[in-house]
Amino acid sequence: MLKDKISDLNSYKNEAEDLSRINQEINDDLKIMEREKDSCLSKLNEELKHSDILESKLNEVKISYEDKIIKITKDFERQMKLNDDEIKIAIQREVLQKE
């Protein structure tokens, strides 16, 4: 009976050691996963910074092109008005010459 209890205790001790070893392996794996997560987050933050820089540059280019389009449109409208005015003047001259 005493041998059975000692055997049971040894069995429990072995099982506890196994569980302790498994727990240590899990903790080691968790530490590795935590480092990998930190590394991934660091890389992601760098990519986000890069993305923000690219977005900022893109907005600058967009604004520049919008300004150029506005200027070209105004120049075109001004030229069209001048052309219209020249046509009106030419028509008035013809009318005056016919009279």
PDB file of N, CA and C in Angstrom:
ATOM      1  N   MET A   1       0.814  -1.192   0.000  1.00  0.00           N
ATOM      2  CA  MET A   1       0.000   0.000   0.000  1.00  0.00           C
ATOM      3  C   MET A   1       0.864   1.264   0.000  1.00  0.00           C
ATOM      4  N   LEU A   2       1.887   1.264   0.818  1.00  0.00           N
ATOM      5  CA  LEU A   2       2.798   2.397   0.855  1.00  0.00           C
ATOM      6  C   LEU A   2       3.528   2.520  -0.478  1.00  0.00           C
ATOM      7  N   LYS A   3       3.890   1.364  -1.060  1.00  0.00           N
ATOM      8  CA  LYS A   3       4.552   1.388  -2.367  1.00  0.00           C
ATOM      9  C   LYS A   3       3.626   1.977  -3.427  1.00  0.00           C
ATOM     10  N   ASP A   4       2.312   1.653  -3.331  1.00  0.00           N
ATOM     11  CA  ASP A   4       1.344   2.200  -4.295  1.00  0.00           C
ATOM     12  C   ASP A   4       1.259   3.718  -4.162  1.00  0.00           C
ATOM     13  N   LYS A   5       1.250   4.204  -2.933  1.00  0.00           N
ATOM     14  CA  LYS A   5       1.155   5.659  -2.716  1.00  0.00           C
ATOM     15  C   LYS A   5       2.429   6.352  -3.205  1.00  0.00           C
ATOM     16  N   ILE A   6       3.568   5.721  -2.933  1.00  0.00           N
ATOM     17  CA  ILE A   6       4.836   6.289  -3.413  1.00  0.00           C
ATOM     18  C   ILE A   6       4.853   6.274  -4.937  1.00  0.00           C
ATOM     19  N   SER A   7       4.371   5.215  -5.515  1.00  0.00           N
ATOM     20  CA  SER A   7       4.303   5.114  -6.972  1.00  0.00           C
ATOM     21  C   SER A   7       3.375   6.189  -7.535  1.00  0.00           C
ATOM     22  N   ASP A   8       2.222   6.367  -6.857  1.00  0.00           N
ATOM     23  CA  ASP A   8       1.281   7.412  -7.283  1.00  0.00           C
ATOM     24  C   ASP A   8       1.925   8.794  -7.178  1.00  0.00           C
ATOM     25  N   LEU A   9       2.613   9.040  -6.067  1.00  0.00           N
ATOM     26  CA  LEU A   9       3.268  10.329  -5.870  1.00  0.00           C
ATOM     27  C   LEU A   9       4.345  10.565  -6.937  1.00  0.00           C
ATOM     28  N   ASN A  10       5.125   9.522  -7.228  1.00  0.00           N
ATOM     29  CA  ASN A  10       6.131   9.641  -8.280  1.00  0.00           C
ATOM     30  C   ASN A  10       5.482   9.907  -9.633  1.00  0.00           C
ATOM     31  N   SER A  11       4.373   9.270  -9.863  1.00  0.00           N
ATOM     32  CA  SER A  11       3.631   9.478 -11.105  1.00  0.00           C
ATOM     33  C   SER A  11       3.137  10.928 -11.187  1.00  0.00           C
ATOM     34  N   TYR A  12       2.606  11.428 -10.058  1.00  0.00           N
ATOM     35  CA  TYR A  12       2.135  12.826 -10.016  1.00  0.00           C
ATOM     36  C   TYR A  12       3.298  13.791 -10.213  1.00  0.00           C
ATOM     37  N   LYS A  13       4.440  13.451  -9.580  1.00  0.00           N
ATOM     38  CA  LYS A  13       5.628  14.289  -9.716  1.00  0.00           C
ATOM     39  C   LYS A  13       6.088  14.328 -11.171  1.00  0.00           C
ATOM     40  N   ASN A  14       6.131  13.178 -11.823  1.00  0.00           N
ATOM     41  CA  ASN A  14       6.523  13.121 -13.235  1.00  0.00           C
ATOM     42  C   ASN A  14       5.553  13.908 -14.106  1.00  0.00           C
ATOM     43  N   GLU A  15       4.276  13.756 -13.792  1.00  0.00           N
ATOM     44  CA  GLU A  15       3.266  14.488 -14.562  1.00  0.00           C
ATOM     45  C   GLU A  15       3.417  15.994 -14.338  1.00  0.00           C
ATOM     46  N   ALA A  16       3.685  16.395 -13.095  1.00  0.00           N
ATOM     47  CA  ALA A  16       3.890  17.815 -12.793  1.00  0.00           C
ATOM     48  C   ALA A  16       5.124  18.340 -13.529  1.00  0.00           C
ATOM     49  N   GLU A  17       6.186  17.558 -13.587  1.00  0.00           N
ATOM     50  CA  GLU A  17       7.388  17.970 -14.315  1.00  0.00           C
ATOM     51  C   GLU A  17       7.103  18.097 -15.812  1.00  0.00           C
ATOM     52  N   ASP A  18       6.331  17.152 -16.341  1.00  0.00           N
ATOM     53  CA  ASP A  18       5.948  17.227 -17.748  1.00  0.00           C
ATOM     54  C   ASP A  18       5.137  18.492 -18.023  1.00  0.00           C
ATOM     55  N   LEU A  19       4.175  18.754 -17.129  1.00  0.00           N
ATOM     56  CA  LEU A  19       3.338  19.947 -17.295  1.00  0.00           C
ATOM     57  C   LEU A  19       4.180  21.217 -17.159  1.00  0.00           C
ATOM     58  N   SER A  20       5.130  21.207 -16.256  1.00  0.00           N
ATOM     59  CA  SER A  20       6.015  22.358 -16.077  1.00  0.00           C
ATOM     60  C   SER A  20       6.851  22.582 -17.342  1.00  0.00           C
ATOM     61  N   ARG A  21       7.354  21.496 -17.921  1.00  0.00           N
ATOM     62  CA  ARG A  21       8.144  21.582 -19.150  1.00  0.00           C
ATOM     63  C   ARG A  21       7.269  22.101 -20.299  1.00  0.00           C
ATOM     64  N   ILE A  22       6.053  21.591 -20.390  1.00  0.00           N
ATOM     65  CA  ILE A  22       5.123  22.059 -21.437  1.00  0.00           C
ATOM     66  C   ILE A  22       4.824  23.540 -21.239  1.00  0.00           C
ATOM     67  N   ASN A  23       4.608  23.927 -19.981  1.00  0.00           N
ATOM     68  CA  ASN A  23       4.337  25.334 -19.665  1.00  0.00           C
ATOM     69  C   ASN A  23       5.522  26.213 -20.077  1.00  0.00           C
ATOM     70  N   GLN A  24       6.724  25.753 -19.811  1.00  0.00           N
ATOM     71  CA  GLN A  24       7.922  26.516 -20.192  1.00  0.00           C
ATOM     72  C   GLN A  24       8.024  26.636 -21.713  1.00  0.00           C
ATOM     73  N   GLU A  25       7.720  25.561 -22.425  1.00  0.00           N
ATOM     74  CA  GLU A  25       7.741  25.599 -23.892  1.00  0.00           C
ATOM     75  C   GLU A  25       6.707  26.602 -24.415  1.00  0.00           C
ATOM     76  N   ILE A  26       5.540  26.585 -23.798  1.00  0.00           N
ATOM     77  CA  ILE A  26       4.488  27.531 -24.200  1.00  0.00           C
ATOM     78  C   ILE A  26       4.951  28.961 -23.945  1.00  0.00           C
ATOM     79  N   ASN A  27       5.548  29.204 -22.776  1.00  0.00           N
ATOM     80  CA  ASN A  27       6.053  30.546 -22.464  1.00  0.00           C
ATOM     81  C   ASN A  27       7.138  30.971 -23.448  1.00  0.00           C
ATOM     82  N   ASP A  28       8.027  30.045 -23.792  1.00  0.00           N
ATOM     83  CA  ASP A  28       9.071  30.354 -24.781  1.00  0.00           C
ATOM     84  C   ASP A  28       8.445  30.709 -26.131  1.00  0.00           C
ATOM     85  N   ASP A  29       7.464  29.904 -26.554  1.00  0.00           N
ATOM     86  CA  ASP A  29       6.765  30.181 -27.815  1.00  0.00           C
ATOM     87  C   ASP A  29       6.072  31.538 -27.776  1.00  0.00           C
ATOM     88  N   LEU A  30       5.464  31.854 -26.629  1.00  0.00           N
ATOM     89  CA  LEU A  30       4.784  33.153 -26.491  1.00  0.00           C
ATOM     90  C   LEU A  30       5.776  34.309 -26.600  1.00  0.00           C
ATOM     91  N   LYS A  31       6.965  34.136 -26.021  1.00  0.00           N
ATOM     92  CA  LYS A  31       7.989  35.182 -26.116  1.00  0.00           C
ATOM     93  C   LYS A  31       8.419  35.367 -27.566  1.00  0.00           C
ATOM     94  N   ILE A  32       8.607  34.252 -28.268  1.00  0.00           N
ATOM     95  CA  ILE A  32       8.982  34.329 -29.688  1.00  0.00           C
ATOM     96  C   ILE A  32       7.878  35.031 -30.478  1.00  0.00           C
ATOM     97  N   MET A  33       6.639  34.651 -30.219  1.00  0.00           N
ATOM     98  CA  MET A  33       5.506  35.256 -30.931  1.00  0.00           C
ATOM     99  C   MET A  33       5.399  36.749 -30.604  1.00  0.00           C
ATOM    100  N   GLU A  34       5.676  37.119 -29.372  1.00  0.00           N
ATOM    101  CA  GLU A  34       5.633  38.525 -28.973  1.00  0.00           C
ATOM    102  C   GLU A  34       6.706  39.326 -29.726  1.00  0.00           C
ATOM    103  N   ARG A  35       7.911  38.767 -29.842  1.00  0.00           N
ATOM    104  CA  ARG A  35       8.979  39.440 -30.602  1.00  0.00           C
ATOM    105  C   ARG A  35       8.592  39.575 -32.079  1.00  0.00           C
ATOM    106  N   GLU A  36       8.022  38.509 -32.632  1.00  0.00           N
ATOM    107  CA  GLU A  36       7.587  38.556 -34.035  1.00  0.00           C
ATOM    108  C   GLU A  36       6.491  39.607 -34.225  1.00  0.00           C
ATOM    109  N   LYS A  37       5.579  39.658 -33.266  1.00  0.00           N
ATOM    110  CA  LYS A  37       4.497  40.652 -33.337  1.00  0.00           C
ATOM    111  C   LYS A  37       5.080  42.060 -33.288  1.00  0.00           C
ATOM    112  N   ASP A  38       6.027  42.292 -32.363  1.00  0.00           N
ATOM    113  CA  ASP A  38       6.662  43.607 -32.259  1.00  0.00           C
ATOM    114  C   ASP A  38       7.390  43.974 -33.547  1.00  0.00           C
ATOM    115  N   SER A  39       8.074  42.996 -34.132  1.00  0.00           N
ATOM    116  CA  SER A  39       8.778  43.233 -35.385  1.00  0.00           C
ATOM    117  C   SER A  39       7.796  43.591 -36.498  1.00  0.00           C
ATOM    118  N   CYS A  40       6.709  42.858 -36.583  1.00  0.00           N
ATOM    119  CA  CYS A  40       5.688  43.128 -37.605  1.00  0.00           C
ATOM    120  C   CYS A  40       5.060  44.507 -37.402  1.00  0.00           C
ATOM    121  N   LEU A  41       4.791  44.858 -36.156  1.00  0.00           N
ATOM    122  CA  LEU A  41       4.208  46.176 -35.875  1.00  0.00           C
ATOM    123  C   LEU A  41       5.187  47.285 -36.242  1.00  0.00           C
ATOM    124  N   SER A  42       6.445  47.058 -35.965  1.00  0.00           N
ATOM    125  CA  SER A  42       7.460  48.046 -36.320  1.00  0.00           C
ATOM    126  C   SER A  42       7.514  48.236 -37.836  1.00  0.00           C
ATOM    127  N   LYS A  43       7.512  47.120 -38.573  1.00  0.00           N
ATOM    128  CA  LYS A  43       7.530  47.196 -40.036  1.00  0.00           C
ATOM    129  C   LYS A  43       6.272  47.884 -40.556  1.00  0.00           C
ATOM    130  N   LEU A  44       5.139  47.558 -39.958  1.00  0.00           N
ATOM    131  CA  LEU A  44       3.878  48.166 -40.366  1.00  0.00           C
ATOM    132  C   LEU A  44       3.901  49.678 -40.130  1.00  0.00           C
ATOM    133  N   ASN A  45       4.433  50.091 -38.981  1.00  0.00           N
ATOM    134  CA  ASN A  45       4.529  51.526 -38.695  1.00  0.00           C
ATOM    135  C   ASN A  45       5.422  52.227 -39.714  1.00  0.00           C
ATOM    136  N   GLU A  46       6.518  51.583 -40.094  1.00  0.00           N
ATOM    137  CA  GLU A  46       7.398  52.162 -41.117  1.00  0.00           C
ATOM    138  C   GLU A  46       6.659  52.289 -42.445  1.00  0.00           C
ATOM    139  N   GLU A  47       5.912  51.261 -42.795  1.00  0.00           N
ATOM    140  CA  GLU A  47       5.144  51.302 -44.045  1.00  0.00           C
ATOM    141  C   GLU A  47       4.086  52.402 -43.995  1.00  0.00           C
ATOM    142  N   LEU A  48       3.461  52.568 -42.837  1.00  0.00           N
ATOM    143  CA  LEU A  48       2.452  53.620 -42.698  1.00  0.00           C
ATOM    144  C   LEU A  48       3.084  55.005 -42.833  1.00  0.00           C
ATOM    145  N   LYS A  49       4.270  55.179 -42.246  1.00  0.00           N
ATOM    146  CA  LYS A  49       4.970  56.462 -42.389  1.00  0.00           C
ATOM    147  C   LYS A  49       5.276  56.715 -43.861  1.00  0.00           C
ATOM    148  N   HIS A  50       5.779  55.687 -44.522  1.00  0.00           N
ATOM    149  CA  HIS A  50       6.092  55.807 -45.950  1.00  0.00           C
ATOM    150  C   HIS A  50       4.826  56.133 -46.740  1.00  0.00           C
ATOM    151  N   SER A  51       3.749  55.464 -46.395  1.00  0.00           N
ATOM    152  CA  SER A  51       2.471  55.696 -47.064  1.00  0.00           C
ATOM    153  C   SER A  51       1.993  57.131 -46.844  1.00  0.00           C
ATOM    154  N   ASP A  52       2.150  57.634 -45.618  1.00  0.00           N
ATOM    155  CA  ASP A  52       1.753  59.011 -45.322  1.00  0.00           C
ATOM    156  C   ASP A  52       2.577  60.008 -46.132  1.00  0.00           C
ATOM    157  N   ILE A  53       3.880  59.726 -46.255  1.00  0.00           N
ATOM    158  CA  ILE A  53       4.751  60.603 -47.045  1.00  0.00           C
ATOM    159  C   ILE A  53       4.310  60.596 -48.501  1.00  0.00           C
ATOM    160  N   LEU A  54       4.044  59.398 -49.042  1.00  0.00           N
ATOM    161  CA  LEU A  54       3.593  59.299 -50.437  1.00  0.00           C
ATOM    162  C   LEU A  54       2.261  60.006 -50.635  1.00  0.00           C
ATOM    163  N   GLU A  55       1.364  59.843 -49.678  1.00  0.00           N
ATOM    164  CA  GLU A  55       0.056  60.501 -49.787  1.00  0.00           C
ATOM    165  C   GLU A  55       0.215  62.017 -49.773  1.00  0.00           C
ATOM    166  N   SER A  56       1.102  62.510 -48.924  1.00  0.00           N
ATOM    167  CA  SER A  56       1.361  63.945 -48.863  1.00  0.00           C
ATOM    168  C   SER A  56       1.910  64.462 -50.190  1.00  0.00           C
ATOM    169  N   LYS A  57       2.871  63.729 -50.751  1.00  0.00           N
ATOM    170  CA  LYS A  57       3.443  64.132 -52.041  1.00  0.00           C
ATOM    171  C   LYS A  57       2.389  64.077 -53.139  1.00  0.00           C
ATOM    172  N   LEU A  58       1.563  63.055 -53.105  1.00  0.00           N
ATOM    173  CA  LEU A  58       0.496  62.928 -54.090  1.00  0.00           C
ATOM    174  C   LEU A  58      -0.467  64.111 -53.997  1.00  0.00           C
ATOM    175  N   ASN A  59      -0.795  64.515 -52.782  1.00  0.00           N
ATOM    176  CA  ASN A  59      -1.683  65.668 -52.606  1.00  0.00           C
ATOM    177  C   ASN A  59      -1.042  66.948 -53.137  1.00  0.00           C
ATOM    178  N   GLU A  60       0.274  67.094 -52.932  1.00  0.00           N
ATOM    179  CA  GLU A  60       0.974  68.261 -53.467  1.00  0.00           C
ATOM    180  C   GLU A  60       0.890  68.290 -54.991  1.00  0.00           C
ATOM    181  N   VAL A  61       1.125  67.135 -55.605  1.00  0.00           N
ATOM    182  CA  VAL A  61       1.056  67.053 -57.064  1.00  0.00           C
ATOM    183  C   VAL A  61      -0.368  67.333 -57.546  1.00  0.00           C
ATOM    184  N   LYS A  62      -1.332  66.773 -56.836  1.00  0.00           N
ATOM    185  CA  LYS A  62      -2.741  66.975 -57.202  1.00  0.00           C
ATOM    186  C   LYS A  62      -3.094  68.456 -57.154  1.00  0.00           C
ATOM    187  N   ILE A  63      -2.691  69.123 -56.070  1.00  0.00           N
ATOM    188  CA  ILE A  63      -2.985  70.552 -55.928  1.00  0.00           C
ATOM    189  C   ILE A  63      -2.294  71.340 -57.038  1.00  0.00           C
ATOM    190  N   SER A  64      -1.061  70.974 -57.338  1.00  0.00           N
ATOM    191  CA  SER A  64      -0.323  71.649 -58.408  1.00  0.00           C
ATOM    192  C   SER A  64      -1.049  71.507 -59.743  1.00  0.00           C
ATOM    193  N   TYR A  65      -1.486  70.291 -60.050  1.00  0.00           N
ATOM    194  CA  TYR A  65      -2.206  70.077 -61.307  1.00  0.00           C
ATOM    195  C   TYR A  65      -3.555  70.790 -61.321  1.00  0.00           C
ATOM    196  N   GLU A  66      -4.232  70.796 -60.178  1.00  0.00           N
ATOM    197  CA  GLU A  66      -5.508  71.522 -60.116  1.00  0.00           C
ATOM    198  C   GLU A  66      -5.283  73.009 -60.379  1.00  0.00           C
ATOM    199  N   ASP A  67      -4.214  73.558 -59.794  1.00  0.00           N
ATOM    200  CA  ASP A  67      -3.896  74.969 -60.026  1.00  0.00           C
ATOM    201  C   ASP A  67      -3.591  75.225 -61.500  1.00  0.00           C
ATOM    202  N   LYS A  68      -2.829  74.314 -62.109  1.00  0.00           N
ATOM    203  CA  LYS A  68      -2.501  74.464 -63.531  1.00  0.00           C
ATOM    204  C   LYS A  68      -3.761  74.380 -64.390  1.00  0.00           C
ATOM    205  N   ILE A  69      -4.650  73.466 -64.054  1.00  0.00           N
ATOM    206  CA  ILE A  69      -5.903  73.318 -64.819  1.00  0.00           C
ATOM    207  C   ILE A  69      -6.732  74.592 -64.702  1.00  0.00           C
ATOM    208  N   ILE A  70      -6.809  75.146 -63.489  1.00  0.00           N
ATOM    209  CA  ILE A  70      -7.572  76.387 -63.287  1.00  0.00           C
ATOM    210  C   ILE A  70      -6.959  77.512 -64.126  1.00  0.00           C
ATOM    211  N   LYS A  71      -5.627  77.624 -64.103  1.00  0.00           N
ATOM    212  CA  LYS A  71      -4.950  78.674 -64.875  1.00  0.00           C
ATOM    213  C   LYS A  71      -5.200  78.488 -66.374  1.00  0.00           C
ATOM    214  N   ILE A  72      -5.055  77.265 -66.865  1.00  0.00           N
ATOM    215  CA  ILE A  72      -5.275  76.999 -68.292  1.00  0.00           C
ATOM    216  C   ILE A  72      -6.717  77.313 -68.671  1.00  0.00           C
ATOM    217  N   THR A  73      -7.652  76.917 -67.811  1.00  0.00           N
ATOM    218  CA  THR A  73      -9.069  77.179 -68.086  1.00  0.00           C
ATOM    219  C   THR A  73      -9.338  78.676 -68.158  1.00  0.00           C
ATOM    220  N   LYS A  74      -8.778  79.425 -67.205  1.00  0.00           N
ATOM    221  CA  LYS A  74      -8.978  80.890 -67.215  1.00  0.00           C
ATOM    222  C   LYS A  74      -8.348  81.516 -68.457  1.00  0.00           C
ATOM    223  N   ASP A  75      -7.143  81.046 -68.813  1.00  0.00           N
ATOM    224  CA  ASP A  75      -6.492  81.561 -70.024  1.00  0.00           C
ATOM    225  C   ASP A  75      -7.329  81.254 -71.263  1.00  0.00           C
ATOM    226  N   PHE A  76      -7.857  80.050 -71.321  1.00  0.00           N
ATOM    227  CA  PHE A  76      -8.690  79.652 -72.456  1.00  0.00           C
ATOM    228  C   PHE A  76      -9.952  80.517 -72.529  1.00  0.00           C
ATOM    229  N   GLU A  77     -10.597  80.698 -71.376  1.00  0.00           N
ATOM    230  CA  GLU A  77     -11.817  81.517 -71.354  1.00  0.00           C
ATOM    231  C   GLU A  77     -11.509  82.962 -71.774  1.00  0.00           C
ATOM    232  N   ARG A  78     -10.376  83.497 -71.293  1.00  0.00           N
ATOM    233  CA  ARG A  78      -9.983  84.860 -71.663  1.00  0.00           C
ATOM    234  C   ARG A  78      -9.736  84.939 -73.175  1.00  0.00           C
ATOM    235  N   GLN A  79      -9.051  83.950 -73.738  1.00  0.00           N
ATOM    236  CA  GLN A  79      -8.775  83.934 -75.175  1.00  0.00           C
ATOM    237  C   GLN A  79     -10.074  83.810 -75.976  1.00  0.00           C
ATOM    238  N   MET A  80     -11.002  82.972 -75.485  1.00  0.00           N
ATOM    239  CA  MET A  80     -12.290  82.822 -76.178  1.00  0.00           C
ATOM    240  C   MET A  80     -13.057  84.141 -76.171  1.00  0.00           C
ATOM    241  N   LYS A  81     -12.992  84.864 -75.047  1.00  0.00           N
ATOM    242  CA  LYS A  81     -13.672  86.160 -74.984  1.00  0.00           C
ATOM    243  C   LYS A  81     -13.031  87.142 -75.958  1.00  0.00           C
ATOM    244  N   LEU A  82     -11.691  87.125 -76.013  1.00  0.00           N
ATOM    245  CA  LEU A  82     -11.003  88.000 -76.976  1.00  0.00           C
ATOM    246  C   LEU A  82     -11.404  87.650 -78.405  1.00  0.00           C
ATOM    247  N   ASN A  83     -11.467  86.359 -78.697  1.00  0.00           N
ATOM    248  CA  ASN A  83     -11.884  85.926 -80.039  1.00  0.00           C
ATOM    249  C   ASN A  83     -13.311  86.380 -80.331  1.00  0.00           C
ATOM    250  N   ASP A  84     -14.197  86.224 -79.348  1.00  0.00           N
ATOM    251  CA  ASP A  84     -15.576  86.676 -79.529  1.00  0.00           C
ATOM    252  C   ASP A  84     -15.618  88.180 -79.779  1.00  0.00           C
ATOM    253  N   ASP A  85     -14.829  88.926 -78.992  1.00  0.00           N
ATOM    254  CA  ASP A  85     -14.793  90.384 -79.159  1.00  0.00           C
ATOM    255  C   ASP A  85     -14.263  90.755 -80.534  1.00  0.00           C
ATOM    256  N   GLU A  86     -13.216  90.044 -81.004  1.00  0.00           N
ATOM    257  CA  GLU A  86     -12.653  90.315 -82.340  1.00  0.00           C
ATOM    258  C   GLU A  86     -13.671  90.008 -83.419  1.00  0.00           C
ATOM    259  N   ILE A  87     -14.429  88.924 -83.250  1.00  0.00           N
ATOM    260  CA  ILE A  87     -15.460  88.566 -84.237  1.00  0.00           C
ATOM    261  C   ILE A  87     -16.541  89.639 -84.263  1.00  0.00           C
ATOM    262  N   LYS A  88     -16.951  90.095 -83.074  1.00  0.00           N
ATOM    263  CA  LYS A  88     -17.989  91.158 -83.016  1.00  0.00           C
ATOM    264  C   LYS A  88     -17.493  92.434 -83.700  1.00  0.00           C
ATOM    265  N   ILE A  89     -16.246  92.784 -83.426  1.00  0.00           N
ATOM    266  CA  ILE A  89     -15.679  93.990 -84.044  1.00  0.00           C
ATOM    267  C   ILE A  89     -15.616  93.818 -85.557  1.00  0.00           C
ATOM    268  N   ALA A  90     -15.205  92.648 -86.023  1.00  0.00           N
ATOM    269  CA  ALA A  90     -15.123  92.392 -87.465  1.00  0.00           C
ATOM    270  C   ALA A  90     -16.508  92.480 -88.094  1.00  0.00           C
ATOM    271  N   ILE A  91     -17.509  91.940 -87.430  1.00  0.00           N
ATOM    272  CA  ILE A  91     -18.878  92.010 -87.965  1.00  0.00           C
ATOM    273  C   ILE A  91     -19.342  93.455 -88.016  1.00  0.00           C
ATOM    274  N   GLN A  92     -19.055  94.209 -86.947  1.00  0.00           N
ATOM    275  CA  GLN A  92     -19.458  95.620 -86.938  1.00  0.00           C
ATOM    276  C   GLN A  92     -18.771  96.398 -88.049  1.00  0.00           C
ATOM    277  N   ARG A  93     -17.514  96.106 -88.331  1.00  0.00           N
ATOM    278  CA  ARG A  93     -16.801  96.782 -89.428  1.00  0.00           C
ATOM    279  C   ARG A  93     -17.453  96.478 -90.772  1.00  0.00           C
ATOM    280  N   GLU A  94     -17.789  95.184 -90.943  1.00  0.00           N
ATOM    281  CA  GLU A  94     -18.435  94.807 -92.208  1.00  0.00           C
ATOM    282  C   GLU A  94     -19.766  95.515 -92.353  1.00  0.00           C
ATOM    283  N   VAL A  95     -20.515  95.577 -91.239  1.00  0.00           N
ATOM    284  CA  VAL A  95     -21.817  96.244 -91.293  1.00  0.00           C
ATOM    285  C   VAL A  95     -21.620  97.712 -91.612  1.00  0.00           C
ATOM    286  N   LEU A  96     -20.626  98.338 -90.974  1.00  0.00           N
ATOM    287  CA  LEU A  96     -20.365  99.752 -91.230  1.00  0.00           C
ATOM    288  C   LEU A  96     -19.886  99.981 -92.670  1.00  0.00           C
ATOM    289  N   GLN A  97     -19.084  99.050 -93.184  1.00  0.00           N
ATOM    290  CA  GLN A  97     -18.599  99.198 -94.556  1.00  0.00           C
ATOM    291  C   GLN A  97     -19.736  99.053 -95.561  1.00  0.00           C
ATOM    292  N   LYS A  98     -20.692  98.206 -95.253  1.00  0.00           N
ATOM    293  CA  LYS A  98     -21.818  98.011 -96.165  1.00  0.00           C
ATOM    294  C   LYS A  98     -22.741  99.215 -96.151  1.00  0.00           C
ATOM    295  N   GLU A  99     -22.737  99.924 -95.072  1.00  0.00           N
ATOM    296  CA  GLU A  99     -23.647 101.084 -94.992  1.00  0.00           C
ATOM    297  C   GLU A  99     -23.091 102.246 -95.676  1.00  0.00           C
TER     298      GLU A  99
END
